[in-house]
Amino acid sequence: MSVVKINAITVPRESFEEFEQRFAARAGKVSSARGFEGFELLRPNDDRELCLVLTRWHSEEDFQAWVASPDFAAGHAQHRTRGPVGTASELWSFDLLESEAPPAEG
């Protein structure tokens, strides 16, 4: 069973662009992590200021290994040098019980 981690980050609307640029600058770092299954970055299209970072992992242990990795530290170094873009964040954790995708074409 997969584990889904959602980092719910409050980002002022005027900082959305910088938030997206910071993620683009570190794109691909997580994809080579052991147990990594997927990543999505969601920006609200309504009045909310809560951006969501979704990652899916084979296990909790794989996620914890990623958090302890040098690549994770490097990806978050921008916070130390330029300060955080978000004003608050909360990490949510879920077990994936069911998933569905459209059939492959071809």
PDB file of N, CA and C in Angstrom:
ATOM      1  N   MET A   1       0.842  -1.179   0.000  1.00  0.00           N
ATOM      2  CA  MET A   1       0.000   0.000   0.000  1.00  0.00           C
ATOM      3  C   MET A   1       0.887   1.241   0.000  1.00  0.00           C
ATOM      4  N   SER A   2       0.603   2.174  -0.855  1.00  0.00           N
ATOM      5  CA  SER A   2       1.365   3.415  -0.951  1.00  0.00           C
ATOM      6  C   SER A   2       1.014   4.369   0.177  1.00  0.00           C
ATOM      7  N   VAL A   3       1.955   5.274   0.452  1.00  0.00           N
ATOM      8  CA  VAL A   3       1.777   6.334   1.432  1.00  0.00           C
ATOM      9  C   VAL A   3       1.789   7.658   0.663  1.00  0.00           C
ATOM     10  N   VAL A   4       0.823   8.510   0.968  1.00  0.00           N
ATOM     11  CA  VAL A   4       0.731   9.820   0.329  1.00  0.00           C
ATOM     12  C   VAL A   4       1.054  10.883   1.364  1.00  0.00           C
ATOM     13  N   LYS A   5       1.974  11.762   1.020  1.00  0.00           N
ATOM     14  CA  LYS A   5       2.331  12.893   1.872  1.00  0.00           C
ATOM     15  C   LYS A   5       1.874  14.161   1.172  1.00  0.00           C
ATOM     16  N   ILE A   6       1.163  14.998   1.910  1.00  0.00           N
ATOM     17  CA  ILE A   6       0.685  16.271   1.371  1.00  0.00           C
ATOM     18  C   ILE A   6       1.227  17.382   2.253  1.00  0.00           C
ATOM     19  N   ASN A   7       2.043  18.234   1.662  1.00  0.00           N
ATOM     20  CA  ASN A   7       2.525  19.403   2.377  1.00  0.00           C
ATOM     21  C   ASN A   7       1.605  20.557   1.995  1.00  0.00           C
ATOM     22  N   ALA A   8       0.776  20.977   2.936  1.00  0.00           N
ATOM     23  CA  ALA A   8      -0.176  22.069   2.713  1.00  0.00           C
ATOM     24  C   ALA A   8       0.519  23.355   3.146  1.00  0.00           C
ATOM     25  N   ILE A   9       0.831  24.204   2.168  1.00  0.00           N
ATOM     26  CA  ILE A   9       1.638  25.400   2.426  1.00  0.00           C
ATOM     27  C   ILE A   9       0.819  26.657   2.133  1.00  0.00           C
ATOM     28  N   THR A  10       0.700  27.502   3.134  1.00  0.00           N
ATOM     29  CA  THR A  10       0.019  28.785   2.945  1.00  0.00           C
ATOM     30  C   THR A  10       0.990  29.731   2.246  1.00  0.00           C
ATOM     31  N   VAL A  11       0.587  30.193   1.064  1.00  0.00           N
ATOM     32  CA  VAL A  11       1.429  31.072   0.249  1.00  0.00           C
ATOM     33  C   VAL A  11       0.599  32.299  -0.134  1.00  0.00           C
ATOM     34  N   PRO A  12       1.037  33.486   0.228  1.00  0.00           N
ATOM     35  CA  PRO A  12       0.312  34.683  -0.215  1.00  0.00           C
ATOM     36  C   PRO A  12       0.247  34.724  -1.744  1.00  0.00           C
ATOM     37  N   ARG A  13      -0.867  35.137  -2.273  1.00  0.00           N
ATOM     38  CA  ARG A  13      -1.076  35.130  -3.729  1.00  0.00           C
ATOM     39  C   ARG A  13       0.053  35.859  -4.465  1.00  0.00           C
ATOM     40  N   GLU A  14       0.564  36.929  -3.888  1.00  0.00           N
ATOM     41  CA  GLU A  14       1.629  37.683  -4.563  1.00  0.00           C
ATOM     42  C   GLU A  14       2.943  36.899  -4.602  1.00  0.00           C
ATOM     43  N   SER A  15       3.016  35.790  -3.901  1.00  0.00           N
ATOM     44  CA  SER A  15       4.231  34.964  -3.895  1.00  0.00           C
ATOM     45  C   SER A  15       4.070  33.659  -4.676  1.00  0.00           C
ATOM     46  N   PHE A  16       2.913  33.450  -5.303  1.00  0.00           N
ATOM     47  CA  PHE A  16       2.679  32.208  -6.054  1.00  0.00           C
ATOM     48  C   PHE A  16       3.765  31.964  -7.098  1.00  0.00           C
ATOM     49  N   GLU A  17       4.111  32.996  -7.861  1.00  0.00           N
ATOM     50  CA  GLU A  17       5.085  32.826  -8.934  1.00  0.00           C
ATOM     51  C   GLU A  17       6.452  32.395  -8.389  1.00  0.00           C
ATOM     52  N   GLU A  18       6.914  33.023  -7.335  1.00  0.00           N
ATOM     53  CA  GLU A  18       8.191  32.635  -6.751  1.00  0.00           C
ATOM     54  C   GLU A  18       8.129  31.214  -6.191  1.00  0.00           C
ATOM     55  N   PHE A  19       7.013  30.861  -5.579  1.00  0.00           N
ATOM     56  CA  PHE A  19       6.810  29.511  -5.065  1.00  0.00           C
ATOM     57  C   PHE A  19       6.974  28.482  -6.185  1.00  0.00           C
ATOM     58  N   GLU A  20       6.319  28.731  -7.303  1.00  0.00           N
ATOM     59  CA  GLU A  20       6.408  27.821  -8.453  1.00  0.00           C
ATOM     60  C   GLU A  20       7.834  27.772  -9.009  1.00  0.00           C
ATOM     61  N   GLN A  21       8.497  28.911  -9.084  1.00  0.00           N
ATOM     62  CA  GLN A  21       9.867  28.948  -9.606  1.00  0.00           C
ATOM     63  C   GLN A  21      10.823  28.151  -8.727  1.00  0.00           C
ATOM     64  N   ARG A  22      10.638  28.218  -7.435  1.00  0.00           N
ATOM     65  CA  ARG A  22      11.512  27.459  -6.544  1.00  0.00           C
ATOM     66  C   ARG A  22      11.346  25.959  -6.747  1.00  0.00           C
ATOM     67  N   PHE A  23      10.124  25.512  -6.957  1.00  0.00           N
ATOM     68  CA  PHE A  23       9.920  24.091  -7.224  1.00  0.00           C
ATOM     69  C   PHE A  23      10.492  23.703  -8.580  1.00  0.00           C
ATOM     70  N   ALA A  24      10.333  24.554  -9.577  1.00  0.00           N
ATOM     71  CA  ALA A  24      10.878  24.263 -10.904  1.00  0.00           C
ATOM     72  C   ALA A  24      12.396  24.153 -10.858  1.00  0.00           C
ATOM     73  N   ALA A  25      13.035  24.955 -10.016  1.00  0.00           N
ATOM     74  CA  ALA A  25      14.499  24.953  -9.925  1.00  0.00           C
ATOM     75  C   ALA A  25      15.039  23.649  -9.355  1.00  0.00           C
ATOM     76  N   ARG A  26      14.230  22.945  -8.599  1.00  0.00           N
ATOM     77  CA  ARG A  26      14.713  21.686  -8.020  1.00  0.00           C
ATOM     78  C   ARG A  26      14.014  20.473  -8.604  1.00  0.00           C
ATOM     79  N   ALA A  27      13.366  20.658  -9.730  1.00  0.00           N
ATOM     80  CA  ALA A  27      12.643  19.562 -10.384  1.00  0.00           C
ATOM     81  C   ALA A  27      13.565  18.381 -10.650  1.00  0.00           C
ATOM     82  N   GLY A  28      13.051  17.189 -10.439  1.00  0.00           N
ATOM     83  CA  GLY A  28      13.784  15.970 -10.728  1.00  0.00           C
ATOM     84  C   GLY A  28      14.583  15.417  -9.563  1.00  0.00           C
ATOM     85  N   LYS A  29      14.776  16.197  -8.510  1.00  0.00           N
ATOM     86  CA  LYS A  29      15.570  15.722  -7.363  1.00  0.00           C
ATOM     87  C   LYS A  29      14.913  14.516  -6.695  1.00  0.00           C
ATOM     88  N   VAL A  30      13.612  14.576  -6.533  1.00  0.00           N
ATOM     89  CA  VAL A  30      12.924  13.517  -5.797  1.00  0.00           C
ATOM     90  C   VAL A  30      12.684  12.269  -6.652  1.00  0.00           C
ATOM     91  N   SER A  31      12.651  12.423  -7.955  1.00  0.00           N
ATOM     92  CA  SER A  31      12.246  11.304  -8.810  1.00  0.00           C
ATOM     93  C   SER A  31      13.182  10.101  -8.754  1.00  0.00           C
ATOM     94  N   SER A  32      14.418  10.293  -8.332  1.00  0.00           N
ATOM     95  CA  SER A  32      15.342   9.167  -8.253  1.00  0.00           C
ATOM     96  C   SER A  32      15.399   8.543  -6.851  1.00  0.00           C
ATOM     97  N   ALA A  33      14.611   9.066  -5.923  1.00  0.00           N
ATOM     98  CA  ALA A  33      14.616   8.540  -4.552  1.00  0.00           C
ATOM     99  C   ALA A  33      13.986   7.152  -4.516  1.00  0.00           C
ATOM    100  N   ARG A  34      14.562   6.299  -3.695  1.00  0.00           N
ATOM    101  CA  ARG A  34      14.030   4.949  -3.538  1.00  0.00           C
ATOM    102  C   ARG A  34      12.588   5.021  -3.029  1.00  0.00           C
ATOM    103  N   GLY A  35      11.704   4.271  -3.640  1.00  0.00           N
ATOM    104  CA  GLY A  35      10.314   4.194  -3.214  1.00  0.00           C
ATOM    105  C   GLY A  35       9.432   5.325  -3.688  1.00  0.00           C
ATOM    106  N   PHE A  36       9.992   6.288  -4.413  1.00  0.00           N
ATOM    107  CA  PHE A  36       9.199   7.420  -4.916  1.00  0.00           C
ATOM    108  C   PHE A  36       8.257   6.948  -6.015  1.00  0.00           C
ATOM    109  N   GLU A  37       6.987   7.346  -5.932  1.00  0.00           N
ATOM    110  CA  GLU A  37       5.991   6.921  -6.920  1.00  0.00           C
ATOM    111  C   GLU A  37       5.328   8.074  -7.670  1.00  0.00           C
ATOM    112  N   GLY A  38       5.384   9.287  -7.149  1.00  0.00           N
ATOM    113  CA  GLY A  38       4.747  10.385  -7.867  1.00  0.00           C
ATOM    114  C   GLY A  38       4.827  11.703  -7.124  1.00  0.00           C
ATOM    115  N   PHE A  39       4.689  12.787  -7.881  1.00  0.00           N
ATOM    116  CA  PHE A  39       4.749  14.152  -7.353  1.00  0.00           C
ATOM    117  C   PHE A  39       3.730  15.006  -8.093  1.00  0.00           C
ATOM    118  N   GLU A  40       3.049  15.889  -7.360  1.00  0.00           N
ATOM    119  CA  GLU A  40       2.159  16.881  -7.960  1.00  0.00           C
ATOM    120  C   GLU A  40       2.242  18.158  -7.137  1.00  0.00           C
ATOM    121  N   LEU A  41       2.286  19.286  -7.822  1.00  0.00           N
ATOM    122  CA  LEU A  41       2.274  20.598  -7.188  1.00  0.00           C
ATOM    123  C   LEU A  41       0.965  21.267  -7.585  1.00  0.00           C
ATOM    124  N   LEU A  42       0.148  21.609  -6.590  1.00  0.00           N
ATOM    125  CA  LEU A  42      -1.178  22.172  -6.858  1.00  0.00           C
ATOM    126  C   LEU A  42      -1.270  23.599  -6.341  1.00  0.00           C
ATOM    127  N   ARG A  43      -1.751  24.490  -7.223  1.00  0.00           N
ATOM    128  CA  ARG A  43      -1.985  25.885  -6.860  1.00  0.00           C
ATOM    129  C   ARG A  43      -3.496  26.108  -6.907  1.00  0.00           C
ATOM    130  N   PRO A  44      -4.070  26.778  -5.920  1.00  0.00           N
ATOM    131  CA  PRO A  44      -5.521  26.970  -5.922  1.00  0.00           C
ATOM    132  C   PRO A  44      -5.968  27.857  -7.086  1.00  0.00           C
ATOM    133  N   ASN A  45      -7.134  27.530  -7.623  1.00  0.00           N
ATOM    134  CA  ASN A  45      -7.701  28.370  -8.682  1.00  0.00           C
ATOM    135  C   ASN A  45      -8.969  29.070  -8.182  1.00  0.00           C
ATOM    136  N   ASP A  46      -9.043  29.184  -6.865  1.00  0.00           N
ATOM    137  CA  ASP A  46     -10.106  29.963  -6.238  1.00  0.00           C
ATOM    138  C   ASP A  46      -9.439  30.992  -5.311  1.00  0.00           C
ATOM    139  N   ASP A  47     -10.119  31.456  -4.299  1.00  0.00           N
ATOM    140  CA  ASP A  47      -9.580  32.515  -3.439  1.00  0.00           C
ATOM    141  C   ASP A  47      -8.623  32.027  -2.359  1.00  0.00           C
ATOM    142  N   ARG A  48      -8.416  30.734  -2.258  1.00  0.00           N
ATOM    143  CA  ARG A  48      -7.541  30.199  -1.212  1.00  0.00           C
ATOM    144  C   ARG A  48      -6.082  30.540  -1.476  1.00  0.00           C
ATOM    145  N   GLU A  49      -5.295  30.477  -0.429  1.00  0.00           N
ATOM    146  CA  GLU A  49      -3.844  30.688  -0.531  1.00  0.00           C
ATOM    147  C   GLU A  49      -3.113  29.450  -0.012  1.00  0.00           C
ATOM    148  N   LEU A  50      -3.707  28.283  -0.199  1.00  0.00           N
ATOM    149  CA  LEU A  50      -3.136  27.031   0.275  1.00  0.00           C
ATOM    150  C   LEU A  50      -2.690  26.204  -0.922  1.00  0.00           C
ATOM    151  N   CYS A  51      -1.375  26.128  -1.111  1.00  0.00           N
ATOM    152  CA  CYS A  51      -0.801  25.310  -2.171  1.00  0.00           C
ATOM    153  C   CYS A  51      -0.513  23.923  -1.601  1.00  0.00           C
ATOM    154  N   LEU A  52      -0.649  22.903  -2.427  1.00  0.00           N
ATOM    155  CA  LEU A  52      -0.443  21.537  -1.971  1.00  0.00           C
ATOM    156  C   LEU A  52       0.679  20.876  -2.756  1.00  0.00           C
ATOM    157  N   VAL A  53       1.569  20.235  -2.027  1.00  0.00           N
ATOM    158  CA  VAL A  53       2.642  19.443  -2.620  1.00  0.00           C
ATOM    159  C   VAL A  53       2.331  17.990  -2.279  1.00  0.00           C
ATOM    160  N   LEU A  54       1.980  17.206  -3.292  1.00  0.00           N
ATOM    161  CA  LEU A  54       1.627  15.808  -3.079  1.00  0.00           C
ATOM    162  C   LEU A  54       2.757  14.920  -3.551  1.00  0.00           C
ATOM    163  N   THR A  55       3.165  13.999  -2.707  1.00  0.00           N
ATOM    164  CA  THR A  55       4.109  12.965  -3.123  1.00  0.00           C
ATOM    165  C   THR A  55       3.541  11.623  -2.684  1.00  0.00           C
ATOM    166  N   ARG A  56       3.849  10.600  -3.479  1.00  0.00           N
ATOM    167  CA  ARG A  56       3.399   9.243  -3.170  1.00  0.00           C
ATOM    168  C   ARG A  56       4.631   8.360  -3.053  1.00  0.00           C
ATOM    169  N   TRP A  57       4.631   7.517  -2.029  1.00  0.00           N
ATOM    170  CA  TRP A  57       5.774   6.683  -1.690  1.00  0.00           C
ATOM    171  C   TRP A  57       5.363   5.238  -1.505  1.00  0.00           C
ATOM    172  N   HIS A  58       6.288   4.336  -1.760  1.00  0.00           N
ATOM    173  CA  HIS A  58       6.038   2.911  -1.549  1.00  0.00           C
ATOM    174  C   HIS A  58       5.818   2.624  -0.064  1.00  0.00           C
ATOM    175  N   SER A  59       6.525   3.330   0.813  1.00  0.00           N
ATOM    176  CA  SER A  59       6.405   3.088   2.251  1.00  0.00           C
ATOM    177  C   SER A  59       6.772   4.344   3.036  1.00  0.00           C
ATOM    178  N   GLU A  60       6.395   4.354   4.288  1.00  0.00           N
ATOM    179  CA  GLU A  60       6.773   5.436   5.199  1.00  0.00           C
ATOM    180  C   GLU A  60       8.293   5.500   5.335  1.00  0.00           C
ATOM    181  N   GLU A  61       8.934   4.350   5.364  1.00  0.00           N
ATOM    182  CA  GLU A  61      10.390   4.293   5.483  1.00  0.00           C
ATOM    183  C   GLU A  61      11.066   4.965   4.284  1.00  0.00           C
ATOM    184  N   ASP A  62      10.516   4.762   3.091  1.00  0.00           N
ATOM    185  CA  ASP A  62      11.081   5.412   1.901  1.00  0.00           C
ATOM    186  C   ASP A  62      10.947   6.925   1.997  1.00  0.00           C
ATOM    187  N   PHE A  63       9.804   7.393   2.472  1.00  0.00           N
ATOM    188  CA  PHE A  63       9.624   8.844   2.638  1.00  0.00           C
ATOM    189  C   PHE A  63      10.619   9.390   3.660  1.00  0.00           C
ATOM    190  N   GLN A  64      10.767   8.710   4.791  1.00  0.00           N
ATOM    191  CA  GLN A  64      11.680   9.176   5.834  1.00  0.00           C
ATOM    192  C   GLN A  64      13.125   9.187   5.336  1.00  0.00           C
ATOM    193  N   ALA A  65      13.494   8.199   4.506  1.00  0.00           N
ATOM    194  CA  ALA A  65      14.841   8.174   3.927  1.00  0.00           C
ATOM    195  C   ALA A  65      15.041   9.382   3.010  1.00  0.00           C
ATOM    196  N   TRP A  66      14.023   9.757   2.250  1.00  0.00           N
ATOM    197  CA  TRP A  66      14.102  10.941   1.385  1.00  0.00           C
ATOM    198  C   TRP A  66      14.309  12.199   2.226  1.00  0.00           C
ATOM    199  N   VAL A  67      13.544  12.346   3.295  1.00  0.00           N
ATOM    200  CA  VAL A  67      13.651  13.533   4.148  1.00  0.00           C
ATOM    201  C   VAL A  67      15.049  13.637   4.766  1.00  0.00           C
ATOM    202  N   ALA A  68      15.674  12.505   5.023  1.00  0.00           N
ATOM    203  CA  ALA A  68      17.010  12.494   5.624  1.00  0.00           C
ATOM    204  C   ALA A  68      18.134  12.579   4.584  1.00  0.00           C
ATOM    205  N   SER A  69      17.794  12.641   3.307  1.00  0.00           N
ATOM    206  CA  SER A  69      18.795  12.586   2.240  1.00  0.00           C
ATOM    207  C   SER A  69      19.435  13.943   1.952  1.00  0.00           C
ATOM    208  N   PRO A  70      20.649  13.923   1.381  1.00  0.00           N
ATOM    209  CA  PRO A  70      21.305  15.177   0.962  1.00  0.00           C
ATOM    210  C   PRO A  70      20.510  15.911  -0.123  1.00  0.00           C
ATOM    211  N   ASP A  71      19.833  15.185  -1.018  1.00  0.00           N
ATOM    212  CA  ASP A  71      19.041  15.838  -2.063  1.00  0.00           C
ATOM    213  C   ASP A  71      17.881  16.629  -1.465  1.00  0.00           C
ATOM    214  N   PHE A  72      17.250  16.086  -0.429  1.00  0.00           N
ATOM    215  CA  PHE A  72      16.173  16.816   0.247  1.00  0.00           C
ATOM    216  C   PHE A  72      16.734  18.103   0.862  1.00  0.00           C
ATOM    217  N   ALA A  73      17.845  17.976   1.555  1.00  0.00           N
ATOM    218  CA  ALA A  73      18.465  19.152   2.179  1.00  0.00           C
ATOM    219  C   ALA A  73      18.835  20.193   1.129  1.00  0.00           C
ATOM    220  N   ALA A  74      19.393  19.752   0.016  1.00  0.00           N
ATOM    221  CA  ALA A  74      19.781  20.684  -1.052  1.00  0.00           C
ATOM    222  C   ALA A  74      18.552  21.371  -1.644  1.00  0.00           C
ATOM    223  N   GLY A  75      17.484  20.624  -1.820  1.00  0.00           N
ATOM    224  CA  GLY A  75      16.265  21.199  -2.386  1.00  0.00           C
ATOM    225  C   GLY A  75      15.625  22.243  -1.492  1.00  0.00           C
ATOM    226  N   HIS A  76      15.840  22.119  -0.203  1.00  0.00           N
ATOM    227  CA  HIS A  76      15.257  23.068   0.741  1.00  0.00           C
ATOM    228  C   HIS A  76      16.244  24.145   1.185  1.00  0.00           C
ATOM    229  N   ALA A  77      17.422  24.187   0.591  1.00  0.00           N
ATOM    230  CA  ALA A  77      18.441  25.176   0.961  1.00  0.00           C
ATOM    231  C   ALA A  77      17.982  26.601   0.665  1.00  0.00           C
ATOM    232  N   GLN A  78      17.092  26.764  -0.310  1.00  0.00           N
ATOM    233  CA  GLN A  78      16.604  28.105  -0.650  1.00  0.00           C
ATOM    234  C   GLN A  78      15.957  28.780   0.551  1.00  0.00           C
ATOM    235  N   HIS A  79      15.337  27.987   1.412  1.00  0.00           N
ATOM    236  CA  HIS A  79      14.683  28.558   2.594  1.00  0.00           C
ATOM    237  C   HIS A  79      15.712  29.196   3.519  1.00  0.00           C
ATOM    238  N   ARG A  80      16.886  28.589   3.584  1.00  0.00           N
ATOM    239  CA  ARG A  80      17.919  29.122   4.474  1.00  0.00           C
ATOM    240  C   ARG A  80      18.554  30.391   3.896  1.00  0.00           C
ATOM    241  N   THR A  81      18.687  30.444   2.570  1.00  0.00           N
ATOM    242  CA  THR A  81      19.370  31.588   1.969  1.00  0.00           C
ATOM    243  C   THR A  81      18.420  32.724   1.600  1.00  0.00           C
ATOM    244  N   ARG A  82      17.209  32.398   1.141  1.00  0.00           N
ATOM    245  CA  ARG A  82      16.276  33.424   0.667  1.00  0.00           C
ATOM    246  C   ARG A  82      15.035  33.556   1.537  1.00  0.00           C
ATOM    247  N   GLY A  83      14.925  32.726   2.551  1.00  0.00           N
ATOM    248  CA  GLY A  83      13.739  32.748   3.403  1.00  0.00           C
ATOM    249  C   GLY A  83      12.598  31.976   2.768  1.00  0.00           C
ATOM    250  N   PRO A  84      11.662  31.541   3.557  1.00  0.00           N
ATOM    251  CA  PRO A  84      10.537  30.779   3.018  1.00  0.00           C
ATOM    252  C   PRO A  84       9.564  31.672   2.251  1.00  0.00           C
ATOM    253  N   VAL A  85       8.910  31.098   1.264  1.00  0.00           N
ATOM    254  CA  VAL A  85       7.865  31.810   0.517  1.00  0.00           C
ATOM    255  C   VAL A  85       6.541  31.678   1.257  1.00  0.00           C
ATOM    256  N   GLY A  86       6.323  30.519   1.842  1.00  0.00           N
ATOM    257  CA  GLY A  86       5.087  30.270   2.569  1.00  0.00           C
ATOM    258  C   GLY A  86       5.120  30.881   3.960  1.00  0.00           C
ATOM    259  N   THR A  87       3.936  31.129   4.478  1.00  0.00           N
ATOM    260  CA  THR A  87       3.822  31.699   5.816  1.00  0.00           C
ATOM    261  C   THR A  87       3.498  30.637   6.855  1.00  0.00           C
ATOM    262  N   ALA A  88       3.089  29.444   6.407  1.00  0.00           N
ATOM    263  CA  ALA A  88       2.791  28.329   7.308  1.00  0.00           C
ATOM    264  C   ALA A  88       2.758  27.060   6.466  1.00  0.00           C
ATOM    265  N   SER A  89       2.979  25.932   7.122  1.00  0.00           N
ATOM    266  CA  SER A  89       2.837  24.664   6.414  1.00  0.00           C
ATOM    267  C   SER A  89       2.452  23.576   7.398  1.00  0.00           C
ATOM    268  N   GLU A  90       1.831  22.553   6.849  1.00  0.00           N
ATOM    269  CA  GLU A  90       1.384  21.426   7.649  1.00  0.00           C
ATOM    270  C   GLU A  90       1.559  20.177   6.795  1.00  0.00           C
ATOM    271  N   LEU A  91       2.153  19.138   7.354  1.00  0.00           N
ATOM    272  CA  LEU A  91       2.354  17.897   6.622  1.00  0.00           C
ATOM    273  C   LEU A  91       1.254  16.921   6.985  1.00  0.00           C
ATOM    274  N   TRP A  92       0.526  16.477   5.948  1.00  0.00           N
ATOM    275  CA  TRP A  92      -0.535  15.492   6.127  1.00  0.00           C
ATOM    276  C   TRP A  92      -0.035  14.157   5.603  1.00  0.00           C
ATOM    277  N   SER A  93      -0.496  13.067   6.182  1.00  0.00           N
ATOM    278  CA  SER A  93      -0.061  11.740   5.769  1.00  0.00           C
ATOM    279  C   SER A  93      -1.275  10.823   5.629  1.00  0.00           C
ATOM    280  N   PHE A  94      -1.323  10.090   4.518  1.00  0.00           N
ATOM    281  CA  PHE A  94      -2.448   9.203   4.236  1.00  0.00           C
ATOM    282  C   PHE A  94      -1.951   7.889   3.667  1.00  0.00           C
ATOM    283  N   ASP A  95      -2.688   6.822   3.924  1.00  0.00           N
ATOM    284  CA  ASP A  95      -2.484   5.553   3.224  1.00  0.00           C
ATOM    285  C   ASP A  95      -3.387   5.570   2.001  1.00  0.00           C
ATOM    286  N   LEU A  96      -2.853   5.178   0.858  1.00  0.00           N
ATOM    287  CA  LEU A  96      -3.633   5.118  -0.370  1.00  0.00           C
ATOM    288  C   LEU A  96      -4.468   3.848  -0.349  1.00  0.00           C
ATOM    289  N   LEU A  97      -5.786   4.000  -0.317  1.00  0.00           N
ATOM    290  CA  LEU A  97      -6.679   2.846  -0.257  1.00  0.00           C
ATOM    291  C   LEU A  97      -7.185   2.438  -1.632  1.00  0.00           C
ATOM    292  N   GLU A  98      -7.339   3.422  -2.517  1.00  0.00           N
ATOM    293  CA  GLU A  98      -7.874   3.125  -3.841  1.00  0.00           C
ATOM    294  C   GLU A  98      -7.396   4.184  -4.808  1.00  0.00           C
ATOM    295  N   SER A  99      -7.098   3.772  -6.026  1.00  0.00           N
ATOM    296  CA  SER A  99      -6.660   4.685  -7.063  1.00  0.00           C
ATOM    297  C   SER A  99      -7.180   4.188  -8.397  1.00  0.00           C
ATOM    298  N   GLU A 100      -7.507   5.125  -9.275  1.00  0.00           N
ATOM    299  CA  GLU A 100      -8.001   4.733 -10.597  1.00  0.00           C
ATOM    300  C   GLU A 100      -7.438   5.681 -11.634  1.00  0.00           C
ATOM    301  N   ALA A 101      -7.068   5.159 -12.753  1.00  0.00           N
ATOM    302  CA  ALA A 101      -6.554   5.952 -13.871  1.00  0.00           C
ATOM    303  C   ALA A 101      -7.273   5.490 -15.139  1.00  0.00           C
ATOM    304  N   PRO A 102      -7.350   6.365 -16.134  1.00  0.00           N
ATOM    305  CA  PRO A 102      -7.990   5.946 -17.381  1.00  0.00           C
ATOM    306  C   PRO A 102      -7.144   4.857 -18.056  1.00  0.00           C
ATOM    307  N   PRO A 103      -7.782   4.015 -18.848  1.00  0.00           N
ATOM    308  CA  PRO A 103      -7.009   2.973 -19.543  1.00  0.00           C
ATOM    309  C   PRO A 103      -6.024   3.607 -20.536  1.00  0.00           C
ATOM    310  N   ALA A 104      -4.896   2.955 -20.704  1.00  0.00           N
ATOM    311  CA  ALA A 104      -3.894   3.432 -21.649  1.00  0.00           C
ATOM    312  C   ALA A 104      -4.438   3.348 -23.063  1.00  0.00           C
ATOM    313  N   GLU A 105      -4.152   4.369 -23.841  1.00  0.00           N
ATOM    314  CA  GLU A 105      -4.587   4.372 -25.245  1.00  0.00           C
ATOM    315  C   GLU A 105      -3.542   3.635 -26.071  1.00  0.00           C
ATOM    316  N   GLY A 106      -4.007   3.062 -27.117  1.00  0.00           N
ATOM    317  CA  GLY A 106      -3.001   2.523 -28.006  1.00  0.00           C
ATOM    318  C   GLY A 106      -3.262   1.188 -28.462  1.00  0.00           C
TER     319      GLY A 106
END
